[in-house]
Protein backbone atom coordinates (compact mmCIF):
# COMPACT_ATOMS: atom_id res chain seq x y z
CA MET A 1 20.25 -3.76 3.21
CA LEU A 2 19.12 -7.31 4.02
CA ALA A 3 20.34 -6.87 7.58
CA SER A 4 17.94 -3.95 7.99
CA LEU A 5 15.08 -6.02 6.58
CA ALA A 6 15.95 -8.91 8.89
CA SER A 7 15.99 -6.64 11.94
CA LEU A 8 12.57 -5.18 11.05
CA THR A 9 10.94 -8.57 10.43
CA ALA A 10 12.36 -9.89 13.70
CA ARG A 11 10.42 -7.31 15.71
CA ALA A 12 7.58 -8.63 17.86
CA ASP A 13 5.16 -6.16 16.26
CA HIS A 14 6.02 -7.22 12.68
CA VAL A 15 3.07 -8.63 10.72
CA PHE A 16 3.27 -10.24 7.28
CA LEU A 17 0.46 -9.13 4.97
CA ALA A 18 -0.50 -11.94 2.61
CA ASP A 19 -0.80 -10.95 -1.04
CA SER A 20 -4.57 -11.14 -1.16
CA VAL A 21 -5.70 -8.34 -3.47
CA SER A 22 -5.67 -7.68 -7.19
CA LEU A 23 -5.57 -4.46 -9.15
CA LEU A 24 -8.02 -6.18 -11.48
CA ASP A 25 -10.69 -5.99 -8.76
CA SER A 26 -13.61 -3.94 -10.06
CA SER A 27 -13.55 -1.68 -6.98
CA ILE A 28 -10.09 -0.35 -7.89
CA HIS A 29 -10.19 2.52 -10.37
CA THR A 30 -7.04 1.88 -12.40
CA GLU A 31 -8.14 4.47 -14.96
CA ARG A 32 -7.18 7.10 -12.37
CA LEU A 33 -3.54 6.05 -12.51
CA LEU A 34 -1.59 8.47 -14.68
CA ALA A 35 1.64 6.49 -15.04
CA ASN A 36 2.77 2.90 -14.71
CA SER A 37 5.11 4.07 -11.94
CA GLN A 38 2.00 4.48 -9.73
CA VAL A 39 0.87 0.86 -10.03
CA THR A 40 2.93 -0.69 -7.22
CA ASP A 41 2.19 2.01 -4.66
CA THR A 42 -1.49 1.99 -5.57
CA TYR A 43 -1.55 -1.79 -5.14
CA LEU A 44 -0.26 -1.38 -1.58
CA LEU A 45 -3.29 0.73 -0.57
CA PRO A 46 -5.95 -2.02 -0.95
CA LEU A 47 -3.49 -4.52 0.50
CA ALA A 48 -3.19 -2.40 3.64
CA SER A 49 -6.93 -1.78 3.72
CA SER A 50 -7.81 -5.47 3.43
CA HIS A 51 -5.67 -6.18 6.50
CA ASP A 52 -6.85 -3.18 8.57
CA ALA A 53 -3.34 -1.77 8.33
CA LEU A 54 -1.83 1.58 7.36
CA LEU A 55 0.49 2.24 4.45
CA ALA A 56 3.34 4.41 5.70
CA THR A 57 5.06 6.12 2.79
CA PHE A 58 7.23 9.05 1.78
CA ASP A 59 5.38 9.16 -1.57
CA THR A 60 3.34 12.35 -1.75
CA ARG A 61 1.95 11.56 -5.21
CA LEU A 62 0.02 8.42 -4.31
CA VAL A 63 -3.34 8.20 -6.11
CA THR A 64 -5.62 7.47 -3.16
CA ALA A 65 -8.73 8.16 -5.27
CA ALA A 66 -8.06 4.96 -7.23
CA VAL A 67 -8.83 2.83 -4.17
CA PRO A 68 -12.04 3.02 -2.11
CA GLY A 69 -10.97 4.10 1.38
CA GLY A 70 -7.41 4.64 0.13
CA LYS A 71 -7.01 7.97 1.87
CA ALA A 72 -8.05 6.46 5.21
CA VAL A 73 -5.25 3.87 5.20
CA LEU A 74 -2.52 6.26 4.03
CA PHE A 75 0.00 7.36 6.66
CA PRO A 76 2.26 9.97 5.03
CA ILE A 77 5.77 10.22 6.45
CA PRO A 78 7.01 13.84 6.32
């Protein structure tokens, strides 16, 4: 598993996204989260948005309404 991570981070197009957002930010609507299992994935939406990136995910139950512009940065993987 770490070998796969190492090969992905070694790519020339790899970019590290600094942990620069908080779910405590008033613009994030945590009351729209229905379960604590949604917290991590929901956190990744504003992180992607703040870096003008996309969040590629297999998760079809992501609560994009909890994050302003969340739907715009979501890239669902079929």
